[in-house]
Amino acid sequence: MSQPPSHLNLHGAVDLSSLARPAAPAGGGAPGPAGARGPASAPTGAGGAIDAPVVVDVTQETFAETVQLSTQVPVVLVLGASWAEPSTQLGDLLERLAGEYGGRFQLGRVDVEANPQIAAAFQVQSVPTAVAVIGGQPVPLFQGVYPEAQVRQVLDELLRVAAQSGVAGVVSGAVEEVEEAPEEPPLPPLHAEALDAIDRGDLPAAADAYRRAIEENPADEEAKAALGQVELMIRASADDPAAVVAAADAAPATDVAAQLGAADVEIASGQASAGLERVLRVVRATRDEDRETARLRLLELFEVVGPTAPEVMTARRALASALY
């Protein structure tokens, strides 16, 4: 989990040009609709109301419009995965803050599994990841879930930097009333302890709390699923993710440790299909104890990704075929 920055730099080491340029229709022809252009060389909007929603789902097809809008109003993107509880937590917090900030920034939600090109462009290593776009320029923010006070500090700094760059518009959707979410029942004490640990970046303590919750109630499926996600985050953050994947790509499928480590990284970054297929290759290439190790890890990853996820259903069929 990265620490929220104390200052922001408009010149992050990310190239958005390929994503921000809409693809030409098949067979040639004119480019996409007006307004769906690549990053501007300088901001074009110094303020005023912009006819756009406060919160929007961003896809690879609409990303060019997002970049263009960023020349008028700051855009905050939360890149997450539907199966990851921390992604939901951060997304809910930012949605509420987007309303409270009165449309001074647009919040874009990105499903990294459905939009892998966006995740790759921002070099997402784990979910959730928060980034911003101001005047077509990427601005890294933070990874993981943080207390609301720290998130507000990041947003305040973001708006200050945006205003200095002449990007100070307000999306008009802010005039809509933001409905208060119904009060949720209190979390079980050990679940609350685990989430507090996640908030402060202490993943081992979170895992310990979830294990104790399962000891108290072996039928606690939420604790089991959350524990699998936290253990995955711990494994995936142990080493440099790019180096782990590169080493596994250069190693044979029979190198169980290398392949399982790379699969963890891929799953944690939202590349569920790639991670599950990597473990399947280990199952197919190994025998006896190594195969059983890979099979058990695959079953764990099924629970992390989500038992009903399409990628899991496909992988389950492939596993049955590989074993029998």
Protein backbone atom coordinates (compact mmCIF):
# COMPACT_ATOMS: atom_id res chain seq x y z
CA MET A 1 0.00 0.00 0.00
CA SER A 2 1.58 3.29 -1.07
CA GLN A 3 1.65 6.33 1.19
CA PRO A 4 -0.52 9.23 -0.01
CA PRO A 5 1.82 11.90 -1.38
CA SER A 6 2.33 15.20 0.42
CA HIS A 7 2.68 16.97 -2.93
CA LEU A 8 1.59 16.15 -6.44
CA ASN A 9 3.51 16.19 -9.70
CA LEU A 10 1.71 16.80 -12.99
CA HIS A 11 4.33 14.90 -14.93
CA GLY A 12 4.01 11.29 -13.87
CA ALA A 13 5.90 8.59 -15.77
CA VAL A 14 2.77 7.39 -17.58
CA ASP A 15 1.98 7.78 -21.27
CA LEU A 16 -1.75 8.09 -21.90
CA SER A 17 -1.49 9.00 -25.57
CA SER A 18 -2.38 5.57 -26.98
CA LEU A 19 -5.48 5.25 -24.80
CA ALA A 20 -6.58 8.85 -25.20
CA ARG A 21 -6.54 8.59 -29.00
CA PRO A 22 -9.83 7.03 -30.17
CA ALA A 23 -9.48 4.21 -32.64
CA ALA A 24 -10.57 4.85 -36.23
CA PRO A 25 -13.65 2.88 -37.35
CA ALA A 26 -13.03 -0.39 -39.15
CA GLY A 27 -12.17 0.25 -42.78
CA GLY A 28 -10.91 3.77 -42.14
CA GLY A 29 -13.03 6.90 -42.08
CA ALA A 30 -13.26 9.85 -39.81
CA PRO A 31 -12.01 9.75 -36.23
CA GLY A 32 -14.30 9.57 -33.21
CA PRO A 33 -16.75 12.30 -32.20
CA ALA A 34 -15.63 15.80 -31.47
CA GLY A 35 -14.41 16.17 -27.91
CA ALA A 36 -12.90 12.66 -27.84
CA ARG A 37 -9.36 13.75 -28.52
CA GLY A 38 -6.00 12.93 -27.00
CA PRO A 39 -4.36 14.79 -24.11
CA ALA A 40 -4.22 18.54 -24.63
CA SER A 41 -0.89 20.29 -24.53
CA ALA A 42 -2.37 22.86 -22.15
CA PRO A 43 -5.58 23.13 -20.13
CA THR A 44 -8.44 24.82 -21.96
CA GLY A 45 -10.92 25.44 -19.17
CA ALA A 46 -10.27 27.95 -16.39
CA GLY A 47 -13.56 27.47 -14.57
CA GLY A 48 -17.30 27.42 -14.97
CA ALA A 49 -19.90 24.69 -15.10
CA ILE A 50 -19.36 21.66 -17.32
CA ASP A 51 -22.27 19.49 -18.40
CA ALA A 52 -21.01 16.16 -17.08
CA PRO A 53 -21.92 13.77 -14.25
CA VAL A 54 -20.08 13.83 -10.93
CA VAL A 55 -19.51 10.05 -10.98
CA VAL A 56 -19.09 8.02 -14.15
CA ASP A 57 -17.94 4.55 -15.19
CA VAL A 58 -14.87 4.90 -17.43
CA THR A 59 -14.08 2.31 -20.10
CA GLN A 60 -11.45 1.98 -22.80
CA GLU A 61 -14.03 3.31 -25.27
CA THR A 62 -14.79 6.44 -23.21
CA PHE A 63 -11.30 7.13 -21.89
CA ALA A 64 -10.55 9.75 -24.56
CA GLU A 65 -13.56 11.75 -23.39
CA THR A 66 -12.27 11.51 -19.82
CA VAL A 67 -8.89 12.89 -20.83
CA GLN A 68 -10.53 15.72 -22.77
CA LEU A 69 -12.73 16.60 -19.78
CA SER A 70 -9.61 16.81 -17.61
CA THR A 71 -8.64 20.00 -19.46
CA GLN A 72 -11.62 21.66 -17.75
CA VAL A 73 -12.10 19.85 -14.44
CA PRO A 74 -9.80 17.47 -12.50
CA VAL A 75 -10.68 13.81 -12.96
CA VAL A 76 -10.00 11.27 -10.20
CA LEU A 77 -9.94 7.63 -11.29
CA VAL A 78 -10.37 4.74 -8.88
CA LEU A 79 -9.11 1.55 -10.51
CA GLY A 80 -10.50 -1.49 -8.77
CA ALA A 81 -12.05 -4.93 -9.12
CA SER A 82 -15.56 -5.97 -8.16
CA TRP A 83 -14.29 -8.96 -6.16
CA ALA A 84 -11.96 -6.90 -3.94
CA GLU A 85 -13.55 -5.50 -0.77
CA PRO A 86 -10.94 -2.69 -0.47
CA SER A 87 -11.92 -1.52 -3.99
CA THR A 88 -15.54 -1.19 -2.89
CA GLN A 89 -14.52 0.65 0.28
CA LEU A 90 -12.41 3.23 -1.56
CA GLY A 91 -14.95 3.62 -4.35
CA ASP A 92 -17.77 4.30 -1.86
CA LEU A 93 -15.66 6.84 0.02
CA LEU A 94 -14.64 8.72 -3.12
CA GLU A 95 -18.22 8.73 -4.44
CA ARG A 96 -19.41 10.38 -1.25
CA LEU A 97 -16.57 12.89 -1.29
CA ALA A 98 -17.20 13.72 -4.96
CA GLY A 99 -20.69 14.86 -3.93
CA GLU A 100 -19.45 16.73 -0.87
CA TYR A 101 -16.83 18.58 -2.94
CA GLY A 102 -19.63 19.96 -5.10
CA GLY A 103 -18.44 18.67 -8.46
CA ARG A 104 -14.99 20.27 -8.23
CA PHE A 105 -13.67 16.96 -9.57
CA GLN A 106 -15.23 14.13 -11.53
CA LEU A 107 -14.86 10.61 -10.16
CA GLY A 108 -14.29 7.91 -12.77
CA ARG A 109 -14.68 4.26 -11.77
CA VAL A 110 -12.54 1.79 -13.74
CA ASP A 111 -13.01 -1.98 -13.58
CA VAL A 112 -9.47 -3.22 -14.25
CA GLU A 113 -10.65 -6.67 -15.31
CA ALA A 114 -12.94 -5.25 -17.99
CA ASN A 115 -10.44 -2.53 -18.99
CA PRO A 116 -6.93 -4.03 -18.79
CA GLN A 117 -5.46 -1.43 -21.17
CA ILE A 118 -6.29 1.37 -18.74
CA ALA A 119 -4.78 -0.60 -15.86
CA ALA A 120 -1.64 -1.22 -17.91
CA ALA A 121 -1.36 2.42 -18.95
CA PHE A 122 -1.38 3.55 -15.31
CA GLN A 123 0.98 0.69 -14.33
CA VAL A 124 -1.50 -0.59 -11.74
CA GLN A 125 0.19 -3.12 -9.46
CA SER A 126 -2.63 -3.68 -6.97
CA VAL A 127 -6.24 -2.70 -6.47
CA PRO A 128 -7.59 -0.32 -5.54
CA THR A 129 -5.36 2.36 -7.05
CA ALA A 130 -6.30 6.05 -7.19
CA VAL A 131 -4.88 8.30 -9.91
CA ALA A 132 -5.90 11.65 -11.36
CA VAL A 133 -5.77 13.32 -14.75
CA ILE A 134 -5.34 17.12 -14.98
CA GLY A 135 -5.04 18.80 -18.35
CA GLY A 136 -4.38 15.41 -19.95
CA GLN A 137 -1.48 14.73 -17.58
CA PRO A 138 -1.51 11.69 -15.24
CA VAL A 139 -1.09 12.33 -11.51
CA PRO A 140 -0.37 9.27 -9.32
CA LEU A 141 -2.23 9.47 -5.99
CA PHE A 142 -2.11 6.30 -3.85
CA GLN A 143 -2.75 2.57 -3.68
CA GLY A 144 -4.97 0.89 -1.13
CA VAL A 145 -7.50 2.23 1.36
CA TYR A 146 -6.74 5.14 3.69
CA PRO A 147 -8.66 7.03 6.40
CA GLU A 148 -11.00 9.70 5.09
CA ALA A 149 -8.90 12.52 6.56
CA GLN A 150 -5.86 11.49 4.51
CA VAL A 151 -7.92 11.09 1.35
CA ARG A 152 -9.33 14.59 1.85
CA GLN A 153 -5.79 15.95 2.17
CA VAL A 154 -4.87 14.37 -1.16
CA LEU A 155 -7.98 15.78 -2.84
CA ASP A 156 -7.34 19.27 -1.43
CA GLU A 157 -3.79 19.19 -2.76
CA LEU A 158 -5.04 17.90 -6.10
CA LEU A 159 -7.51 20.77 -6.45
CA ARG A 160 -4.82 23.29 -5.49
CA VAL A 161 -2.48 21.97 -8.18
CA ALA A 162 -5.32 21.88 -10.71
CA ALA A 163 -6.27 25.51 -9.99
CA GLN A 164 -2.64 26.58 -10.46
CA SER A 165 -2.76 24.87 -13.86
CA GLY A 166 -5.96 26.65 -14.87
CA VAL A 167 -8.20 23.62 -14.46
CA ALA A 168 -10.93 24.80 -12.12
CA GLY A 169 -14.25 23.85 -13.69
CA VAL A 170 -17.20 22.27 -11.87
CA VAL A 171 -19.23 19.41 -13.27
CA SER A 172 -22.89 20.39 -13.38
CA GLY A 173 -24.10 17.05 -12.06
CA ALA A 174 -23.08 18.34 -8.63
CA VAL A 175 -26.43 20.10 -8.27
CA GLU A 176 -28.12 16.72 -7.80
CA GLU A 177 -28.85 15.68 -4.24
CA VAL A 178 -26.57 12.96 -2.93
CA GLU A 179 -28.70 10.46 -1.09
CA GLU A 180 -27.40 9.35 2.27
CA ALA A 181 -26.56 5.69 2.34
CA PRO A 182 -28.59 3.68 4.84
CA GLU A 183 -26.77 3.12 8.09
CA GLU A 184 -24.95 -0.19 7.99
CA PRO A 185 -25.03 -2.57 10.93
CA PRO A 186 -21.84 -2.52 13.02
CA LEU A 187 -19.09 -4.89 11.93
CA PRO A 188 -18.17 -7.83 14.13
CA PRO A 189 -15.28 -6.73 16.39
CA LEU A 190 -12.61 -8.84 14.66
CA HIS A 191 -13.76 -7.68 11.21
CA ALA A 192 -13.51 -4.07 12.40
CA GLU A 193 -10.06 -4.78 13.82
CA ALA A 194 -8.97 -6.23 10.47
CA LEU A 195 -10.26 -3.22 8.50
CA ASP A 196 -8.51 -0.83 10.89
CA ALA A 197 -5.29 -2.75 10.26
CA ILE A 198 -5.81 -2.50 6.49
CA ASP A 199 -6.41 1.26 6.83
CA ARG A 200 -3.04 1.70 8.53
CA GLY A 201 -1.28 -0.61 6.08
CA ASP A 202 -0.66 -3.48 8.53
CA LEU A 203 -1.70 -6.44 6.40
CA PRO A 204 -0.25 -9.16 8.70
CA ALA A 205 -2.34 -7.80 11.58
CA ALA A 206 -5.42 -7.82 9.35
CA ALA A 207 -4.77 -11.44 8.38
CA ASP A 208 -4.37 -12.37 12.05
CA ALA A 209 -7.70 -10.75 12.93
CA TYR A 210 -9.50 -12.60 10.15
CA ARG A 211 -7.93 -15.91 11.24
CA ARG A 212 -9.19 -15.34 14.78
CA ALA A 213 -12.63 -14.53 13.40
CA ILE A 214 -12.67 -17.87 11.57
CA GLU A 215 -11.53 -19.68 14.72
CA GLU A 216 -14.47 -18.15 16.59
CA ASN A 217 -16.92 -18.90 13.77
CA PRO A 218 -15.77 -21.50 11.23
CA ALA A 219 -18.85 -20.66 9.10
CA ASP A 220 -17.80 -17.01 8.67
CA GLU A 221 -17.54 -16.98 4.87
CA GLU A 222 -16.89 -13.23 4.72
CA ALA A 223 -13.85 -13.61 6.96
CA LYS A 224 -12.58 -16.51 4.84
CA ALA A 225 -12.92 -14.51 1.61
CA ALA A 226 -11.33 -11.41 3.16
CA LEU A 227 -8.46 -13.48 4.57
CA GLY A 228 -7.75 -14.87 1.12
CA GLN A 229 -7.62 -11.35 -0.32
CA VAL A 230 -5.33 -10.07 2.43
CA GLU A 231 -2.98 -13.06 2.13
CA LEU A 232 -2.86 -12.48 -1.62
CA MET A 233 -1.96 -8.80 -1.06
CA ILE A 234 0.82 -9.83 1.34
CA ARG A 235 2.31 -12.32 -1.11
CA ALA A 236 1.98 -10.00 -4.10
CA SER A 237 3.66 -7.07 -2.33
CA ALA A 238 6.68 -9.01 -1.09
CA ASP A 239 8.86 -8.27 -4.13
CA ASP A 240 8.91 -6.01 -7.16
CA PRO A 241 5.82 -7.13 -9.16
CA ALA A 242 7.31 -6.55 -12.61
CA ALA A 243 10.44 -8.50 -11.69
CA VAL A 244 8.37 -11.39 -10.29
CA VAL A 245 6.34 -11.72 -13.50
CA ALA A 246 9.42 -11.37 -15.71
CA ALA A 247 11.26 -14.08 -13.77
CA ALA A 248 8.27 -16.43 -14.03
CA ASP A 249 7.93 -15.80 -17.77
CA ALA A 250 11.58 -16.80 -18.19
CA ALA A 251 11.18 -19.91 -16.00
CA PRO A 252 9.56 -23.24 -16.95
CA ALA A 253 6.04 -24.06 -15.86
CA THR A 254 7.51 -26.62 -13.46
CA ASP A 255 9.08 -23.82 -11.36
CA VAL A 256 6.18 -23.82 -8.93
CA ALA A 257 7.37 -21.03 -6.64
CA ALA A 258 8.09 -18.63 -9.51
CA GLN A 259 4.82 -19.30 -11.30
CA LEU A 260 2.63 -19.07 -8.20
CA GLY A 261 4.33 -15.82 -7.20
CA ALA A 262 3.64 -14.33 -10.62
CA ALA A 263 0.03 -15.54 -10.51
CA ASP A 264 -0.43 -13.71 -7.19
CA VAL A 265 0.85 -10.50 -8.76
CA GLU A 266 -1.45 -10.87 -11.76
CA ILE A 267 -4.52 -11.60 -9.64
CA ALA A 268 -3.75 -8.68 -7.31
CA SER A 269 -3.45 -6.31 -10.28
CA GLY A 270 -6.82 -7.36 -11.66
CA GLN A 271 -5.55 -9.77 -14.33
CA ALA A 272 -7.63 -12.69 -13.09
CA SER A 273 -7.64 -14.67 -16.34
CA ALA A 274 -3.87 -14.44 -16.73
CA GLY A 275 -3.19 -15.44 -13.13
CA LEU A 276 -5.54 -18.42 -13.14
CA GLU A 277 -4.25 -19.65 -16.49
CA ARG A 278 -0.68 -19.45 -15.17
CA VAL A 279 -1.51 -21.77 -12.26
CA LEU A 280 -3.36 -24.10 -14.62
CA ARG A 281 -0.17 -24.40 -16.67
CA VAL A 282 1.64 -25.49 -13.50
CA VAL A 283 -1.04 -28.11 -12.81
CA ARG A 284 -0.68 -29.49 -16.33
CA ALA A 285 3.13 -29.53 -16.21
CA THR A 286 3.68 -31.08 -12.77
CA ARG A 287 2.92 -34.24 -10.84
CA ASP A 288 2.48 -35.42 -7.25
CA GLU A 289 3.30 -32.86 -4.54
CA ASP A 290 3.97 -29.97 -6.92
CA ARG A 291 0.67 -30.52 -8.71
CA GLU A 292 -1.20 -30.66 -5.41
CA THR A 293 0.44 -27.41 -4.29
CA ALA A 294 -0.69 -25.71 -7.50
CA ARG A 295 -4.19 -27.21 -7.26
CA LEU A 296 -4.69 -25.96 -3.71
CA ARG A 297 -3.43 -22.47 -4.61
CA LEU A 298 -5.83 -22.41 -7.55
CA LEU A 299 -8.76 -23.24 -5.25
CA GLU A 300 -7.70 -20.39 -2.95
CA LEU A 301 -7.57 -18.00 -5.88
CA PHE A 302 -11.04 -19.10 -7.01
CA GLU A 303 -12.38 -17.79 -3.68
CA VAL A 304 -10.40 -14.54 -3.97
CA VAL A 305 -11.56 -13.78 -7.50
CA GLY A 306 -15.11 -14.88 -6.73
CA PRO A 307 -16.68 -18.33 -7.16
CA THR A 308 -19.20 -17.06 -9.74
CA ALA A 309 -16.78 -14.93 -11.77
CA PRO A 310 -16.65 -15.99 -15.45
CA GLU A 311 -12.88 -16.44 -15.25
CA VAL A 312 -13.28 -18.83 -12.32
CA MET A 313 -15.98 -20.88 -14.01
CA THR A 314 -13.75 -21.25 -17.08
CA ALA A 315 -10.74 -22.16 -14.94
CA ARG A 316 -12.74 -24.74 -12.95
CA ARG A 317 -13.62 -26.58 -16.16
CA ALA A 318 -9.99 -26.45 -17.29
CA LEU A 319 -8.82 -27.76 -13.90
CA ALA A 320 -11.20 -30.71 -14.07
CA SER A 321 -9.94 -31.50 -17.55
CA ALA A 322 -6.30 -31.26 -16.45
CA LEU A 323 -6.81 -33.54 -13.45
CA TYR A 324 -9.09 -36.15 -15.01
